[in-house]
Amino acid sequence: MVLNKPKNINNVGSPPFGRLIMFKIMILQGLYNLSDNQMEYQITDRRSFTRFLGLKVSDKV
């Protein structure tokens, strides 16, 4: 099964996150029972989450 990335036709907004990062976020959410807002905060707060997701400190969440 091949999944294609949705194309941003209007070039509006931020580009979507990759599938691997979103999958890792879902794993963390399930392990720690976090909502989307809590997950966003924890990614910016915890260095371990940032490292697991392969993000830089300067990356926007």
N, C-alpha and C. Protein backbone atom coordinates (compact mmCIF):
# COMPACT_ATOMS: atom_id res chain seq x y z
N MET A 1 0.85 -1.17 0.00
CA MET A 1 0.00 0.00 0.00
C MET A 1 0.90 1.23 0.00
N VAL A 2 0.69 2.13 -0.92
CA VAL A 2 1.49 3.34 -1.03
C VAL A 2 0.63 4.52 -0.63
N LEU A 3 1.14 5.30 0.32
CA LEU A 3 0.44 6.49 0.76
C LEU A 3 1.16 7.71 0.22
N ASN A 4 0.44 8.58 -0.40
CA ASN A 4 1.03 9.80 -0.92
C ASN A 4 0.82 10.94 0.07
N LYS A 5 1.83 11.80 0.17
CA LYS A 5 1.69 12.97 1.03
C LYS A 5 0.71 13.94 0.39
N PRO A 6 -0.16 14.54 1.23
CA PRO A 6 -1.06 15.55 0.66
C PRO A 6 -0.24 16.76 0.22
N LYS A 7 -0.58 17.29 -0.93
CA LYS A 7 0.14 18.44 -1.45
C LYS A 7 -0.54 19.71 -0.99
N ASN A 8 0.27 20.67 -0.62
CA ASN A 8 -0.23 21.96 -0.19
C ASN A 8 -0.41 22.82 -1.44
N ILE A 9 -1.59 22.78 -2.01
CA ILE A 9 -1.85 23.43 -3.29
C ILE A 9 -1.76 24.95 -3.16
N ASN A 10 -2.27 25.49 -2.08
CA ASN A 10 -2.32 26.95 -1.92
C ASN A 10 -1.07 27.52 -1.27
N ASN A 11 -0.14 26.66 -0.85
CA ASN A 11 1.05 27.09 -0.12
C ASN A 11 0.70 27.97 1.08
N VAL A 12 -0.34 27.58 1.79
CA VAL A 12 -0.79 28.31 2.97
C VAL A 12 -0.47 27.49 4.19
N GLY A 13 0.03 28.14 5.23
CA GLY A 13 0.30 27.45 6.49
C GLY A 13 1.63 26.73 6.48
N SER A 14 1.85 26.01 7.54
CA SER A 14 3.10 25.27 7.70
C SER A 14 3.04 23.96 6.93
N PRO A 15 4.18 23.46 6.48
CA PRO A 15 4.18 22.15 5.84
C PRO A 15 3.86 21.06 6.86
N PRO A 16 3.23 19.97 6.45
CA PRO A 16 2.87 18.92 7.41
C PRO A 16 4.11 18.20 7.93
N PHE A 17 4.00 17.66 9.15
CA PHE A 17 5.06 16.84 9.71
C PHE A 17 5.12 15.52 8.95
N GLY A 18 6.26 14.89 8.97
CA GLY A 18 6.43 13.60 8.31
C GLY A 18 5.67 12.50 9.03
N ARG A 19 5.44 11.41 8.33
CA ARG A 19 4.69 10.29 8.91
C ARG A 19 5.42 9.65 10.08
N LEU A 20 6.75 9.56 9.99
CA LEU A 20 7.52 8.93 11.06
C LEU A 20 7.43 9.73 12.35
N ILE A 21 7.54 11.05 12.26
CA ILE A 21 7.43 11.88 13.47
C ILE A 21 6.03 11.77 14.06
N MET A 22 5.00 11.79 13.22
CA MET A 22 3.62 11.67 13.72
C MET A 22 3.40 10.31 14.38
N PHE A 23 3.99 9.26 13.82
CA PHE A 23 3.88 7.93 14.42
C PHE A 23 4.54 7.91 15.79
N LYS A 24 5.73 8.51 15.89
CA LYS A 24 6.43 8.57 17.17
C LYS A 24 5.66 9.39 18.19
N ILE A 25 5.03 10.47 17.76
CA ILE A 25 4.20 11.28 18.66
C ILE A 25 3.03 10.45 19.18
N MET A 26 2.42 9.67 18.31
CA MET A 26 1.31 8.82 18.75
C MET A 26 1.77 7.78 19.77
N ILE A 27 2.97 7.25 19.59
CA ILE A 27 3.53 6.31 20.56
C ILE A 27 3.68 6.98 21.91
N LEU A 28 4.29 8.18 21.93
CA LEU A 28 4.48 8.91 23.19
C LEU A 28 3.15 9.26 23.84
N GLN A 29 2.18 9.68 23.04
CA GLN A 29 0.86 10.01 23.58
C GLN A 29 0.23 8.80 24.24
N GLY A 30 0.35 7.65 23.63
CA GLY A 30 -0.22 6.44 24.20
C GLY A 30 0.49 6.00 25.48
N LEU A 31 1.82 6.10 25.48
CA LEU A 31 2.58 5.68 26.66
C LEU A 31 2.34 6.58 27.87
N TYR A 32 2.24 7.88 27.61
CA TYR A 32 2.10 8.84 28.71
C TYR A 32 0.68 9.36 28.88
N ASN A 33 -0.26 8.87 28.06
CA ASN A 33 -1.67 9.26 28.15
C ASN A 33 -1.82 10.78 28.09
N LEU A 34 -1.30 11.40 27.02
CA LEU A 34 -1.30 12.84 26.88
C LEU A 34 -2.27 13.28 25.79
N SER A 35 -2.90 14.44 26.01
CA SER A 35 -3.74 15.03 24.97
C SER A 35 -2.83 15.73 23.96
N ASP A 36 -3.41 16.24 22.89
CA ASP A 36 -2.61 16.94 21.88
C ASP A 36 -1.92 18.17 22.47
N ASN A 37 -2.66 18.95 23.26
CA ASN A 37 -2.08 20.15 23.88
C ASN A 37 -0.98 19.79 24.86
N GLN A 38 -1.20 18.76 25.66
CA GLN A 38 -0.17 18.32 26.61
C GLN A 38 1.05 17.80 25.87
N MET A 39 0.83 17.10 24.77
CA MET A 39 1.94 16.56 23.99
C MET A 39 2.78 17.69 23.42
N GLU A 40 2.14 18.71 22.89
CA GLU A 40 2.85 19.86 22.34
C GLU A 40 3.73 20.51 23.41
N TYR A 41 3.18 20.67 24.61
CA TYR A 41 3.95 21.26 25.70
C TYR A 41 5.13 20.37 26.09
N GLN A 42 4.89 19.07 26.21
CA GLN A 42 5.95 18.15 26.63
C GLN A 42 7.08 18.06 25.60
N ILE A 43 6.75 18.16 24.32
CA ILE A 43 7.79 18.13 23.29
C ILE A 43 8.71 19.33 23.45
N THR A 44 8.13 20.49 23.74
CA THR A 44 8.96 21.68 23.92
C THR A 44 9.66 21.69 25.27
N ASP A 45 9.14 20.98 26.24
CA ASP A 45 9.69 21.00 27.60
C ASP A 45 10.73 19.91 27.85
N ARG A 46 10.50 18.72 27.34
CA ARG A 46 11.38 17.58 27.63
C ARG A 46 12.38 17.33 26.51
N ARG A 47 13.66 17.33 26.87
CA ARG A 47 14.71 17.05 25.90
C ARG A 47 14.62 15.60 25.40
N SER A 48 14.18 14.69 26.26
CA SER A 48 14.09 13.29 25.86
C SER A 48 13.05 13.10 24.74
N PHE A 49 11.94 13.82 24.80
CA PHE A 49 10.92 13.74 23.75
C PHE A 49 11.49 14.31 22.45
N THR A 50 12.18 15.44 22.56
CA THR A 50 12.76 16.09 21.39
C THR A 50 13.77 15.17 20.71
N ARG A 51 14.62 14.53 21.50
CA ARG A 51 15.61 13.61 20.95
C ARG A 51 14.95 12.40 20.31
N PHE A 52 13.94 11.82 20.98
CA PHE A 52 13.24 10.66 20.44
C PHE A 52 12.60 10.97 19.09
N LEU A 53 12.07 12.17 18.96
CA LEU A 53 11.41 12.56 17.72
C LEU A 53 12.40 13.01 16.65
N GLY A 54 13.65 13.20 17.02
CA GLY A 54 14.67 13.62 16.06
C GLY A 54 14.56 15.08 15.68
N LEU A 55 14.05 15.90 16.62
CA LEU A 55 13.90 17.32 16.36
C LEU A 55 15.07 18.09 16.96
N LYS A 56 15.29 19.28 16.44
CA LYS A 56 16.28 20.20 17.00
C LYS A 56 15.56 21.10 18.00
N VAL A 57 16.34 21.72 18.87
CA VAL A 57 15.76 22.64 19.84
C VAL A 57 15.09 23.82 19.13
N SER A 58 15.64 24.21 18.00
CA SER A 58 15.11 25.36 17.26
C SER A 58 13.88 25.04 16.41
N ASP A 59 13.53 23.74 16.25
CA ASP A 59 12.37 23.37 15.45
C ASP A 59 11.08 23.78 16.14
N LYS A 60 10.11 24.20 15.32
CA LYS A 60 8.78 24.56 15.86
C LYS A 60 7.93 23.31 15.96
N VAL A 61 7.10 23.28 16.98
CA VAL A 61 6.22 22.15 17.21
C VAL A 61 4.80 22.56 16.89
